């Protein structure tokens, strides 16, 4: 019987050691997982900051481009008005010259 108790005790001690080893491995695995998660969170935060910076830059560029478009529209309108005035002046000049030529040829 004492032999039987010895075997049971040895088996229990062996199982306790196995469980302790499993616990150590599980703890190490959990730490690895936590470290991996921390690294991923840091990477995500870095990417988030990078995206926020790029977003701010894009917004600034958009404002600049919008101003340029408005300036170009204004300039186009001015040039269009000048073009119409020039065409009207040219038409009047041609009309006057035609009238002068007609009156000079009579």
N, C-alpha and C. Protein backbone atom coordinates (compact mmCIF):
# COMPACT_ATOMS: atom_id res chain seq x y z
N UNK A 1 0.81 -1.19 0.00
CA UNK A 1 0.00 0.00 0.00
C UNK A 1 0.85 1.26 0.00
N UNK A 2 1.94 1.24 0.79
CA UNK A 2 2.80 2.42 0.80
C UNK A 2 3.46 2.60 -0.56
N UNK A 3 3.70 1.48 -1.24
CA UNK A 3 4.23 1.56 -2.61
C UNK A 3 3.20 2.23 -3.51
N UNK A 4 1.96 1.88 -3.35
CA UNK A 4 0.89 2.45 -4.13
C UNK A 4 0.76 3.95 -3.85
N UNK A 5 0.87 4.32 -2.57
CA UNK A 5 0.82 5.75 -2.20
C UNK A 5 2.02 6.48 -2.78
N UNK A 6 3.15 5.86 -2.78
CA UNK A 6 4.37 6.46 -3.35
C UNK A 6 4.18 6.71 -4.84
N UNK A 7 3.62 5.74 -5.54
CA UNK A 7 3.37 5.90 -6.98
C UNK A 7 2.36 7.02 -7.24
N UNK A 8 1.31 7.05 -6.42
CA UNK A 8 0.32 8.11 -6.57
C UNK A 8 0.95 9.47 -6.30
N UNK A 9 1.74 9.55 -5.24
CA UNK A 9 2.41 10.79 -4.89
C UNK A 9 3.37 11.22 -6.01
N UNK A 10 4.13 10.28 -6.55
CA UNK A 10 5.05 10.59 -7.65
C UNK A 10 4.28 11.07 -8.88
N UNK A 11 3.17 10.39 -9.15
CA UNK A 11 2.35 10.77 -10.30
C UNK A 11 1.77 12.17 -10.11
N UNK A 12 1.30 12.45 -8.88
CA UNK A 12 0.75 13.77 -8.59
C UNK A 12 1.84 14.84 -8.69
N UNK A 13 3.00 14.55 -8.18
CA UNK A 13 4.12 15.51 -8.26
C UNK A 13 4.50 15.76 -9.72
N UNK A 14 4.52 14.69 -10.50
CA UNK A 14 4.82 14.81 -11.92
C UNK A 14 3.77 15.68 -12.60
N UNK A 15 2.50 15.44 -12.27
CA UNK A 15 1.41 16.21 -12.88
C UNK A 15 1.46 17.67 -12.44
N UNK A 16 1.83 17.90 -11.17
CA UNK A 16 1.96 19.29 -10.67
C UNK A 16 3.06 20.00 -11.45
N UNK A 17 4.18 19.34 -11.66
CA UNK A 17 5.27 19.94 -12.43
C UNK A 17 4.84 20.24 -13.86
N UNK A 18 4.10 19.32 -14.47
CA UNK A 18 3.59 19.54 -15.82
C UNK A 18 2.65 20.75 -15.86
N UNK A 19 1.78 20.82 -14.86
CA UNK A 19 0.84 21.95 -14.80
C UNK A 19 1.59 23.27 -14.56
N UNK A 20 2.60 23.22 -13.71
CA UNK A 20 3.41 24.43 -13.48
C UNK A 20 4.09 24.86 -14.78
N UNK A 21 4.62 23.90 -15.52
CA UNK A 21 5.26 24.21 -16.80
C UNK A 21 4.24 24.78 -17.79
N UNK A 22 3.06 24.16 -17.85
CA UNK A 22 2.00 24.67 -18.72
C UNK A 22 1.63 26.10 -18.34
N UNK A 23 1.56 26.35 -17.02
CA UNK A 23 1.22 27.68 -16.54
C UNK A 23 2.30 28.68 -16.95
N UNK A 24 3.56 28.31 -16.81
CA UNK A 24 4.67 29.19 -17.22
C UNK A 24 4.59 29.49 -18.72
N UNK A 25 4.36 28.44 -19.51
CA UNK A 25 4.26 28.62 -20.96
C UNK A 25 3.04 29.49 -21.32
N UNK A 26 1.96 29.25 -20.62
CA UNK A 26 0.75 30.04 -20.86
C UNK A 26 1.00 31.50 -20.51
N UNK A 27 1.67 31.72 -19.39
CA UNK A 27 1.99 33.08 -18.97
C UNK A 27 2.92 33.75 -19.99
N UNK A 28 3.93 33.03 -20.44
CA UNK A 28 4.85 33.57 -21.45
C UNK A 28 4.10 33.88 -22.74
N UNK A 29 3.21 32.98 -23.12
CA UNK A 29 2.42 33.18 -24.34
C UNK A 29 1.53 34.42 -24.19
N UNK A 30 0.93 34.57 -23.01
CA UNK A 30 0.08 35.73 -22.76
C UNK A 30 0.91 37.02 -22.82
N UNK A 31 2.11 37.00 -22.26
CA UNK A 31 2.99 38.17 -22.31
C UNK A 31 3.38 38.49 -23.75
N UNK A 32 3.69 37.46 -24.52
CA UNK A 32 4.01 37.67 -25.94
C UNK A 32 2.81 38.31 -26.66
N UNK A 33 1.62 37.80 -26.37
CA UNK A 33 0.42 38.33 -26.99
C UNK A 33 0.20 39.79 -26.58
N UNK A 34 0.40 40.08 -25.29
CA UNK A 34 0.25 41.46 -24.81
C UNK A 34 1.27 42.39 -25.48
N UNK A 35 2.51 41.92 -25.59
CA UNK A 35 3.54 42.73 -26.24
C UNK A 35 3.21 42.96 -27.71
N UNK A 36 2.72 41.93 -28.36
CA UNK A 36 2.32 42.07 -29.76
C UNK A 36 1.19 43.09 -29.88
N UNK A 37 0.22 43.00 -28.99
CA UNK A 37 -0.90 43.95 -28.99
C UNK A 37 -0.41 45.37 -28.75
N UNK A 38 0.51 45.54 -27.81
CA UNK A 38 1.06 46.87 -27.53
C UNK A 38 1.75 47.44 -28.77
N UNK A 39 2.54 46.59 -29.43
CA UNK A 39 3.22 47.05 -30.64
C UNK A 39 2.22 47.43 -31.73
N UNK A 40 1.20 46.62 -31.88
CA UNK A 40 0.19 46.92 -32.88
C UNK A 40 -0.56 48.20 -32.55
N UNK A 41 -0.85 48.42 -31.28
CA UNK A 41 -1.50 49.67 -30.86
C UNK A 41 -0.62 50.87 -31.14
N UNK A 42 0.67 50.73 -30.88
CA UNK A 42 1.61 51.82 -31.17
C UNK A 42 1.64 52.10 -32.67
N UNK A 43 1.66 51.04 -33.47
CA UNK A 43 1.65 51.21 -34.93
C UNK A 43 0.36 51.88 -35.40
N UNK A 44 -0.75 51.46 -34.80
CA UNK A 44 -2.03 52.05 -35.17
C UNK A 44 -2.04 53.54 -34.80
N UNK A 45 -1.55 53.87 -33.62
CA UNK A 45 -1.51 55.27 -33.19
C UNK A 45 -0.61 56.08 -34.12
N UNK A 46 0.51 55.51 -34.50
CA UNK A 46 1.42 56.19 -35.43
C UNK A 46 0.74 56.43 -36.78
N UNK A 47 0.06 55.39 -37.28
CA UNK A 47 -0.67 55.53 -38.54
C UNK A 47 -1.79 56.56 -38.43
N UNK A 48 -2.46 56.57 -37.29
CA UNK A 48 -3.53 57.53 -37.06
C UNK A 48 -2.98 58.96 -37.11
N UNK A 49 -1.86 59.18 -36.43
CA UNK A 49 -1.25 60.51 -36.43
C UNK A 49 -0.79 60.89 -37.83
N UNK A 50 -0.24 59.93 -38.55
CA UNK A 50 0.20 60.18 -39.92
C UNK A 50 -0.99 60.56 -40.81
N UNK A 51 -2.09 59.83 -40.67
CA UNK A 51 -3.29 60.13 -41.45
C UNK A 51 -3.87 61.49 -41.08
N UNK A 52 -3.84 61.82 -39.79
CA UNK A 52 -4.35 63.14 -39.37
C UNK A 52 -3.49 64.25 -39.97
N UNK A 53 -2.19 64.03 -39.98
CA UNK A 53 -1.29 65.02 -40.57
C UNK A 53 -1.54 65.16 -42.06
N UNK A 54 -1.67 64.03 -42.75
CA UNK A 54 -1.94 64.06 -44.19
C UNK A 54 -3.30 64.70 -44.48
N UNK A 55 -4.28 64.43 -43.62
CA UNK A 55 -5.60 65.01 -43.80
C UNK A 55 -5.52 66.53 -43.67
N UNK A 56 -4.79 67.00 -42.67
CA UNK A 56 -4.64 68.45 -42.47
C UNK A 56 -3.95 69.07 -43.69
N UNK A 57 -2.92 68.40 -44.19
CA UNK A 57 -2.22 68.90 -45.37
C UNK A 57 -3.15 68.95 -46.57
N UNK A 58 -3.94 67.91 -46.76
CA UNK A 58 -4.89 67.88 -47.88
C UNK A 58 -5.93 68.99 -47.75
N UNK A 59 -6.38 69.24 -46.55
CA UNK A 59 -7.35 70.32 -46.35
C UNK A 59 -6.72 71.67 -46.70
N UNK A 60 -5.47 71.87 -46.28
CA UNK A 60 -4.78 73.12 -46.62
C UNK A 60 -4.61 73.24 -48.12
N UNK A 61 -4.21 72.15 -48.76
CA UNK A 61 -4.05 72.16 -50.22
C UNK A 61 -5.39 72.44 -50.90
N UNK A 62 -6.46 71.86 -50.36
CA UNK A 62 -7.79 72.08 -50.93
C UNK A 62 -8.17 73.56 -50.84
N UNK A 63 -7.88 74.18 -49.71
CA UNK A 63 -8.19 75.62 -49.55
C UNK A 63 -7.39 76.43 -50.57
N UNK A 64 -6.11 76.10 -50.71
CA UNK A 64 -5.27 76.83 -51.68
C UNK A 64 -5.79 76.65 -53.10
N UNK A 65 -6.13 75.40 -53.45
CA UNK A 65 -6.62 75.13 -54.79
C UNK A 65 -7.97 75.81 -55.04
N UNK A 66 -8.81 75.84 -54.03
CA UNK A 66 -10.10 76.51 -54.18
C UNK A 66 -9.89 78.00 -54.45
N UNK A 67 -8.94 78.59 -53.73
CA UNK A 67 -8.62 80.01 -53.97
C UNK A 67 -8.11 80.21 -55.39
N UNK A 68 -7.22 79.31 -55.83
CA UNK A 68 -6.68 79.43 -57.18
C UNK A 68 -7.79 79.31 -58.23
N UNK A 69 -8.71 78.38 -58.01
CA UNK A 69 -9.83 78.20 -58.95
C UNK A 69 -10.67 79.48 -58.98
N UNK A 70 -10.95 80.04 -57.82
CA UNK A 70 -11.73 81.28 -57.77
C UNK A 70 -10.99 82.42 -58.47
N UNK A 71 -9.68 82.50 -58.24
CA UNK A 71 -8.87 83.51 -58.92
C UNK A 71 -8.91 83.32 -60.44
N UNK A 72 -8.79 82.06 -60.88
CA UNK A 72 -8.82 81.78 -62.31
C UNK A 72 -10.19 82.09 -62.91
N UNK A 73 -11.26 81.79 -62.18
CA UNK A 73 -12.60 82.14 -62.66
C UNK A 73 -12.73 83.65 -62.82
N UNK A 74 -12.23 84.39 -61.83
CA UNK A 74 -12.30 85.84 -61.88
C UNK A 74 -11.49 86.36 -63.06
N UNK A 75 -10.29 85.82 -63.22
CA UNK A 75 -9.44 86.25 -64.33
C UNK A 75 -10.10 85.91 -65.68
N UNK A 76 -10.70 84.74 -65.77
CA UNK A 76 -11.39 84.35 -67.00
C UNK A 76 -12.51 85.33 -67.31
N UNK A 77 -13.27 85.67 -66.27
CA UNK A 77 -14.38 86.63 -66.47
C UNK A 77 -13.84 87.97 -66.95
N UNK A 78 -12.74 88.41 -66.35
CA UNK A 78 -12.14 89.68 -66.77
C UNK A 78 -11.66 89.60 -68.22
N UNK A 79 -10.99 88.51 -68.56
CA UNK A 79 -10.50 88.35 -69.94
C UNK A 79 -11.65 88.23 -70.92
N UNK A 80 -12.70 87.55 -70.52
CA UNK A 80 -13.87 87.41 -71.38
C UNK A 80 -14.50 88.79 -71.63
N UNK A 81 -14.59 89.60 -70.58
CA UNK A 81 -15.14 90.95 -70.73
C UNK A 81 -14.25 91.79 -71.64
N UNK A 82 -12.94 91.70 -71.44
CA UNK A 82 -12.00 92.43 -72.30
C UNK A 82 -12.14 91.97 -73.75
N UNK A 83 -12.28 90.66 -73.92
CA UNK A 83 -12.41 90.09 -75.27
C UNK A 83 -13.67 90.62 -75.94
N UNK A 84 -14.77 90.66 -75.19
CA UNK A 84 -16.03 91.17 -75.75
C UNK A 84 -15.88 92.65 -76.10
N UNK A 85 -15.24 93.40 -75.20
CA UNK A 85 -15.02 94.83 -75.47
C UNK A 85 -14.12 95.03 -76.69
N UNK A 86 -13.08 94.20 -76.77
CA UNK A 86 -12.17 94.30 -77.92
C UNK A 86 -12.91 93.97 -79.21
N UNK A 87 -13.73 92.93 -79.17
CA UNK A 87 -14.49 92.53 -80.35
C UNK A 87 -15.47 93.63 -80.74
N UNK A 88 -16.12 94.23 -79.75
CA UNK A 88 -17.07 95.31 -80.05
C UNK A 88 -16.34 96.52 -80.63
N UNK A 89 -15.18 96.85 -80.05
CA UNK A 89 -14.39 97.97 -80.56
C UNK A 89 -13.92 97.67 -81.98
N UNK A 90 -13.46 96.46 -82.20
CA UNK A 90 -13.00 96.08 -83.54
C UNK A 90 -14.16 96.16 -84.52
N UNK A 91 -15.32 95.70 -84.11
CA UNK A 91 -16.50 95.76 -84.98
C UNK A 91 -16.84 97.22 -85.32
N UNK A 92 -16.81 98.08 -84.32
CA UNK A 92 -17.09 99.51 -84.55
C UNK A 92 -16.05 100.13 -85.47
N UNK A 93 -14.78 99.77 -85.23
CA UNK A 93 -13.70 100.32 -86.05
C UNK A 93 -13.87 99.86 -87.50
N UNK A 94 -14.16 98.58 -87.68
CA UNK A 94 -14.36 98.06 -89.03
C UNK A 94 -15.55 98.75 -89.69
N UNK A 95 -16.61 98.95 -88.93
CA UNK A 95 -17.80 99.60 -89.46
C UNK A 95 -17.47 101.04 -89.89
N UNK A 96 -16.73 101.76 -89.03
CA UNK A 96 -16.34 103.14 -89.37
C UNK A 96 -15.44 103.17 -90.59
N UNK A 97 -14.46 102.26 -90.62
CA UNK A 97 -13.55 102.20 -91.76
C UNK A 97 -14.31 101.86 -93.04
N UNK A 98 -15.25 100.94 -92.93
CA UNK A 98 -16.06 100.58 -94.10
C UNK A 98 -16.84 101.78 -94.58
N UNK A 99 -17.42 102.51 -93.64
CA UNK A 99 -18.18 103.71 -94.01
C UNK A 99 -17.28 104.75 -94.65
N UNK A 100 -16.08 104.93 -94.09
CA UNK A 100 -15.11 105.90 -94.66
C UNK A 100 -14.70 105.48 -96.05
N UNK A 101 -14.44 104.19 -96.20
CA UNK A 101 -14.02 103.69 -97.52
C UNK A 101 -15.16 103.89 -98.51
N UNK A 102 -16.36 103.62 -98.08
CA UNK A 102 -17.52 103.78 -98.94
C UNK A 102 -17.70 105.25 -99.33
N UNK A 103 -17.55 106.11 -98.35
CA UNK A 103 -17.73 107.54 -98.64
C UNK A 103 -16.59 108.07 -99.50
N UNK A 104 -15.40 107.52 -99.35
CA UNK A 104 -14.24 107.96 -100.15
C UNK A 104 -14.30 107.40 -101.57
N UNK A 105 -14.95 106.32 -101.75
CA UNK A 105 -15.03 105.73 -103.09
C UNK A 105 -16.19 106.33 -103.89
N UNK A 106 -17.03 107.11 -103.28
CA UNK A 106 -18.16 107.71 -104.01
C UNK A 106 -17.76 108.92 -104.72
